[in-house]
């Protein structure tokens, strides 16, 4: 049960980062450094999600 909650939490954070990335891309003068950091965080979360899913099976 705790793992499911953790997966949901990470999934929600991943979606939040995706929204932040899309919002930044829509800005006329998007901040490349901010985008790079958001994408790095999103990739880290994706890796963590995949690792948790792999260990759950």
PDB file of N, CA and C in Angstrom:
ATOM      1  N   UNK A   1       0.823  -1.195   0.000  1.00  0.00           N
ATOM      2  CA  UNK A   1       0.000   0.000   0.000  1.00  0.00           C
ATOM      3  C   UNK A   1       0.868   1.261   0.000  1.00  0.00           C
ATOM      4  N   UNK A   2       1.930   1.258   0.773  1.00  0.00           N
ATOM      5  CA  UNK A   2       2.804   2.430   0.845  1.00  0.00           C
ATOM      6  C   UNK A   2       3.468   2.690  -0.504  1.00  0.00           C
ATOM      7  N   UNK A   3       3.805   1.609  -1.215  1.00  0.00           N
ATOM      8  CA  UNK A   3       4.452   1.784  -2.513  1.00  0.00           C
ATOM      9  C   UNK A   3       3.472   2.417  -3.503  1.00  0.00           C
ATOM     10  N   UNK A   4       2.209   2.016  -3.444  1.00  0.00           N
ATOM     11  CA  UNK A   4       1.205   2.605  -4.334  1.00  0.00           C
ATOM     12  C   UNK A   4       1.063   4.093  -4.074  1.00  0.00           C
ATOM     13  N   UNK A   5       1.072   4.477  -2.813  1.00  0.00           N
ATOM     14  CA  UNK A   5       0.971   5.892  -2.456  1.00  0.00           C
ATOM     15  C   UNK A   5       2.191   6.652  -2.975  1.00  0.00           C
ATOM     16  N   UNK A   6       3.357   6.047  -2.844  1.00  0.00           N
ATOM     17  CA  UNK A   6       4.589   6.684  -3.330  1.00  0.00           C
ATOM     18  C   UNK A   6       4.552   6.835  -4.854  1.00  0.00           C
ATOM     19  N   UNK A   7       4.069   5.821  -5.544  1.00  0.00           N
ATOM     20  CA  UNK A   7       3.943   5.897  -6.995  1.00  0.00           C
ATOM     21  C   UNK A   7       2.981   7.008  -7.409  1.00  0.00           C
ATOM     22  N   UNK A   8       1.852   7.120  -6.698  1.00  0.00           N
ATOM     23  CA  UNK A   8       0.896   8.193  -6.997  1.00  0.00           C
ATOM     24  C   UNK A   8       1.513   9.562  -6.746  1.00  0.00           C
ATOM     25  N   UNK A   9       2.233   9.688  -5.644  1.00  0.00           N
ATOM     26  CA  UNK A   9       2.882  10.956  -5.308  1.00  0.00           C
ATOM     27  C   UNK A   9       3.894  11.345  -6.385  1.00  0.00           C
ATOM     28  N   UNK A  10       4.737  10.403  -6.771  1.00  0.00           N
ATOM     29  CA  UNK A  10       5.736  10.690  -7.804  1.00  0.00           C
ATOM     30  C   UNK A  10       5.076  10.995  -9.142  1.00  0.00           C
ATOM     31  N   UNK A  11       4.011  10.289  -9.452  1.00  0.00           N
ATOM     32  CA  UNK A  11       3.281  10.546 -10.689  1.00  0.00           C
ATOM     33  C   UNK A  11       2.690  11.951 -10.717  1.00  0.00           C
ATOM     34  N   UNK A  12       2.149  12.371  -9.589  1.00  0.00           N
ATOM     35  CA  UNK A  12       1.582  13.717  -9.497  1.00  0.00           C
ATOM     36  C   UNK A  12       2.675  14.771  -9.637  1.00  0.00           C
ATOM     37  N   UNK A  13       3.819  14.543  -9.003  1.00  0.00           N
ATOM     38  CA  UNK A  13       4.930  15.485  -9.125  1.00  0.00           C
ATOM     39  C   UNK A  13       5.442  15.527 -10.562  1.00  0.00           C
ATOM     40  N   UNK A  14       5.484  14.385 -11.221  1.00  0.00           N
ATOM     41  CA  UNK A  14       5.922  14.306 -12.618  1.00  0.00           C
ATOM     42  C   UNK A  14       4.987  15.134 -13.499  1.00  0.00           C
ATOM     43  N   UNK A  15       3.679  14.989 -13.291  1.00  0.00           N
ATOM     44  CA  UNK A  15       2.699  15.749 -14.073  1.00  0.00           C
ATOM     45  C   UNK A  15       2.832  17.250 -13.787  1.00  0.00           C
ATOM     46  N   UNK A  16       3.087  17.598 -12.544  1.00  0.00           N
ATOM     47  CA  UNK A  16       3.264  18.997 -12.170  1.00  0.00           C
ATOM     48  C   UNK A  16       4.474  19.598 -12.885  1.00  0.00           C
ATOM     49  N   UNK A  17       5.551  18.835 -12.951  1.00  0.00           N
ATOM     50  CA  UNK A  17       6.743  19.315 -13.658  1.00  0.00           C
ATOM     51  C   UNK A  17       6.462  19.459 -15.145  1.00  0.00           C
ATOM     52  N   UNK A  18       5.714  18.534 -15.714  1.00  0.00           N
ATOM     53  CA  UNK A  18       5.359  18.628 -17.135  1.00  0.00           C
ATOM     54  C   UNK A  18       4.561  19.902 -17.391  1.00  0.00           C
ATOM     55  N   UNK A  19       3.631  20.216 -16.501  1.00  0.00           N
ATOM     56  CA  UNK A  19       2.846  21.450 -16.651  1.00  0.00           C
ATOM     57  C   UNK A  19       3.747  22.670 -16.549  1.00  0.00           C
ATOM     58  N   UNK A  20       4.677  22.672 -15.601  1.00  0.00           N
ATOM     59  CA  UNK A  20       5.600  23.794 -15.446  1.00  0.00           C
ATOM     60  C   UNK A  20       6.462  23.971 -16.692  1.00  0.00           C
ATOM     61  N   UNK A  21       6.886  22.862 -17.278  1.00  0.00           N
ATOM     62  CA  UNK A  21       7.682  22.921 -18.514  1.00  0.00           C
ATOM     63  C   UNK A  21       6.846  23.523 -19.637  1.00  0.00           C
ATOM     64  N   UNK A  22       5.621  23.049 -19.794  1.00  0.00           N
ATOM     65  CA  UNK A  22       4.754  23.572 -20.854  1.00  0.00           C
ATOM     66  C   UNK A  22       4.455  25.054 -20.645  1.00  0.00           C
ATOM     67  N   UNK A  23       4.221  25.446 -19.403  1.00  0.00           N
ATOM     68  CA  UNK A  23       3.971  26.859 -19.093  1.00  0.00           C
ATOM     69  C   UNK A  23       5.184  27.710 -19.465  1.00  0.00           C
ATOM     70  N   UNK A  24       6.355  27.224 -19.131  1.00  0.00           N
ATOM     71  CA  UNK A  24       7.583  27.970 -19.435  1.00  0.00           C
ATOM     72  C   UNK A  24       7.797  28.071 -20.943  1.00  0.00           C
ATOM     73  N   UNK A  25       7.497  27.004 -21.663  1.00  0.00           N
ATOM     74  CA  UNK A  25       7.659  27.019 -23.119  1.00  0.00           C
ATOM     75  C   UNK A  25       6.701  28.004 -23.794  1.00  0.00           C
ATOM     76  N   UNK A  26       5.544  28.243 -23.182  1.00  0.00           N
ATOM     77  CA  UNK A  26       4.562  29.164 -23.749  1.00  0.00           C
ATOM     78  C   UNK A  26       4.951  30.629 -23.553  1.00  0.00           C
ATOM     79  N   UNK A  27       5.842  30.880 -22.611  1.00  0.00           N
ATOM     80  CA  UNK A  27       6.258  32.262 -22.366  1.00  0.00           C
ATOM     81  C   UNK A  27       7.062  32.771 -23.561  1.00  0.00           C
ATOM     82  N   UNK A  28       6.873  34.050 -23.911  1.00  0.00           N
ATOM     83  CA  UNK A  28       7.610  34.610 -25.055  1.00  0.00           C
ATOM     84  C   UNK A  28       9.135  34.524 -24.905  1.00  0.00           C
ATOM     85  N   UNK A  29       9.619  34.740 -23.719  1.00  0.00           N
ATOM     86  CA  UNK A  29      11.076  34.662 -23.512  1.00  0.00           C
ATOM     87  C   UNK A  29      11.364  33.628 -22.424  1.00  0.00           C
ATOM     88  N   UNK A  30      11.160  32.361 -22.775  1.00  0.00           N
ATOM     89  CA  UNK A  30      11.337  31.292 -21.792  1.00  0.00           C
ATOM     90  C   UNK A  30      12.794  31.223 -21.326  1.00  0.00           C
ATOM     91  N   UNK A  31      12.947  30.884 -20.079  1.00  0.00           N
ATOM     92  CA  UNK A  31      14.253  30.797 -19.430  1.00  0.00           C
ATOM     93  C   UNK A  31      14.837  29.406 -19.691  1.00  0.00           C
ATOM     94  N   UNK A  32      15.880  29.353 -20.500  1.00  0.00           N
ATOM     95  CA  UNK A  32      16.477  28.070 -20.880  1.00  0.00           C
ATOM     96  C   UNK A  32      17.050  27.322 -19.676  1.00  0.00           C
ATOM     97  N   UNK A  33      17.639  28.048 -18.747  1.00  0.00           N
ATOM     98  CA  UNK A  33      18.197  27.393 -17.558  1.00  0.00           C
ATOM     99  C   UNK A  33      17.091  26.787 -16.698  1.00  0.00           C
ATOM    100  N   UNK A  34      15.993  27.522 -16.567  1.00  0.00           N
ATOM    101  CA  UNK A  34      14.855  27.001 -15.800  1.00  0.00           C
ATOM    102  C   UNK A  34      14.285  25.764 -16.484  1.00  0.00           C
ATOM    103  N   UNK A  35      14.146  25.825 -17.810  1.00  0.00           N
ATOM    104  CA  UNK A  35      13.645  24.664 -18.550  1.00  0.00           C
ATOM    105  C   UNK A  35      14.551  23.453 -18.369  1.00  0.00           C
ATOM    106  N   UNK A  36      15.841  23.686 -18.455  1.00  0.00           N
ATOM    107  CA  UNK A  36      16.801  22.591 -18.302  1.00  0.00           C
ATOM    108  C   UNK A  36      16.680  21.948 -16.921  1.00  0.00           C
ATOM    109  N   UNK A  37      16.531  22.768 -15.888  1.00  0.00           N
ATOM    110  CA  UNK A  37      16.402  22.253 -14.522  1.00  0.00           C
ATOM    111  C   UNK A  37      15.085  21.498 -14.347  1.00  0.00           C
ATOM    112  N   UNK A  38      13.996  22.036 -14.882  1.00  0.00           N
ATOM    113  CA  UNK A  38      12.701  21.351 -14.789  1.00  0.00           C
ATOM    114  C   UNK A  38      12.754  19.998 -15.491  1.00  0.00           C
ATOM    115  N   UNK A  39      13.371  19.966 -16.659  1.00  0.00           N
ATOM    116  CA  UNK A  39      13.477  18.710 -17.407  1.00  0.00           C
ATOM    117  C   UNK A  39      14.366  17.708 -16.679  1.00  0.00           C
ATOM    118  N   UNK A  40      15.429  18.197 -16.029  1.00  0.00           N
ATOM    119  CA  UNK A  40      16.308  17.313 -15.258  1.00  0.00           C
ATOM    120  C   UNK A  40      15.530  16.697 -14.094  1.00  0.00           C
ATOM    121  N   UNK A  41      14.746  17.517 -13.402  1.00  0.00           N
ATOM    122  CA  UNK A  41      13.948  17.023 -12.277  1.00  0.00           C
ATOM    123  C   UNK A  41      12.909  16.005 -12.752  1.00  0.00           C
ATOM    124  N   UNK A  42      12.287  16.294 -13.890  1.00  0.00           N
ATOM    125  CA  UNK A  42      11.281  15.386 -14.432  1.00  0.00           C
ATOM    126  C   UNK A  42      11.904  14.036 -14.799  1.00  0.00           C
ATOM    127  N   UNK A  43      13.074  14.072 -15.413  1.00  0.00           N
ATOM    128  CA  UNK A  43      13.761  12.835 -15.783  1.00  0.00           C
ATOM    129  C   UNK A  43      14.147  12.032 -14.541  1.00  0.00           C
ATOM    130  N   UNK A  44      14.603  12.716 -13.503  1.00  0.00           N
ATOM    131  CA  UNK A  44      14.956  12.040 -12.257  1.00  0.00           C
ATOM    132  C   UNK A  44      13.730  11.342 -11.664  1.00  0.00           C
ATOM    133  N   UNK A  45      12.585  12.029 -11.674  1.00  0.00           N
ATOM    134  CA  UNK A  45      11.346  11.424 -11.165  1.00  0.00           C
ATOM    135  C   UNK A  45      10.928  10.226 -12.020  1.00  0.00           C
ATOM    136  N   UNK A  46      11.070  10.365 -13.330  1.00  0.00           N
ATOM    137  CA  UNK A  46      10.718   9.265 -14.224  1.00  0.00           C
ATOM    138  C   UNK A  46      11.565   8.038 -13.916  1.00  0.00           C
ATOM    139  N   UNK A  47      12.856   8.244 -13.721  1.00  0.00           N
ATOM    140  CA  UNK A  47      13.746   7.134 -13.379  1.00  0.00           C
ATOM    141  C   UNK A  47      13.331   6.489 -12.063  1.00  0.00           C
ATOM    142  N   UNK A  48      12.994   7.318 -11.084  1.00  0.00           N
ATOM    143  CA  UNK A  48      12.582   6.786  -9.780  1.00  0.00           C
ATOM    144  C   UNK A  48      11.281   5.994  -9.915  1.00  0.00           C
ATOM    145  N   UNK A  49      10.343   6.517 -10.706  1.00  0.00           N
ATOM    146  CA  UNK A  49       9.082   5.796 -10.940  1.00  0.00           C
ATOM    147  C   UNK A  49       9.338   4.439 -11.587  1.00  0.00           C
ATOM    148  N   UNK A  50      10.176   4.426 -12.592  1.00  0.00           N
ATOM    149  CA  UNK A  50      10.476   3.169 -13.285  1.00  0.00           C
ATOM    150  C   UNK A  50      11.149   2.168 -12.355  1.00  0.00           C
ATOM    151  N   UNK A  51      12.059   2.643 -11.514  1.00  0.00           N
ATOM    152  CA  UNK A  51      12.721   1.751 -10.562  1.00  0.00           C
ATOM    153  C   UNK A  51      11.742   1.176  -9.559  1.00  0.00           C
ATOM    154  N   UNK A  52      10.836   2.003  -9.060  1.00  0.00           N
ATOM    155  CA  UNK A  52       9.836   1.510  -8.105  1.00  0.00           C
ATOM    156  C   UNK A  52       8.911   0.490  -8.759  1.00  0.00           C
ATOM    157  N   UNK A  53       8.494   0.777  -9.982  1.00  0.00           N
ATOM    158  CA  UNK A  53       7.611  -0.161 -10.685  1.00  0.00           C
ATOM    159  C   UNK A  53       8.304  -1.484 -10.942  1.00  0.00           C
ATOM    160  N   UNK A  54       9.589  -1.434 -11.260  1.00  0.00           N
ATOM    161  CA  UNK A  54      10.350  -2.654 -11.522  1.00  0.00           C
ATOM    162  C   UNK A  54      10.485  -3.496 -10.257  1.00  0.00           C
ATOM    163  N   UNK A  55      10.674  -2.859  -9.124  1.00  0.00           N
ATOM    164  CA  UNK A  55      10.834  -3.608  -7.877  1.00  0.00           C
ATOM    165  C   UNK A  55       9.487  -4.107  -7.350  1.00  0.00           C
ATOM    166  N   UNK A  56       8.394  -3.479  -7.795  1.00  0.00           N
ATOM    167  CA  UNK A  56       7.061  -3.887  -7.340  1.00  0.00           C
ATOM    168  C   UNK A  56       6.632  -5.191  -7.985  1.00  0.00           C
ATOM    169  N   UNK A  57       7.216  -5.490  -9.134  1.00  0.00           N
ATOM    170  CA  UNK A  57       6.796  -6.719  -9.856  1.00  0.00           C
ATOM    171  C   UNK A  57       7.667  -7.863  -9.548  1.00  0.00           C
TER     172      UNK A  57
END
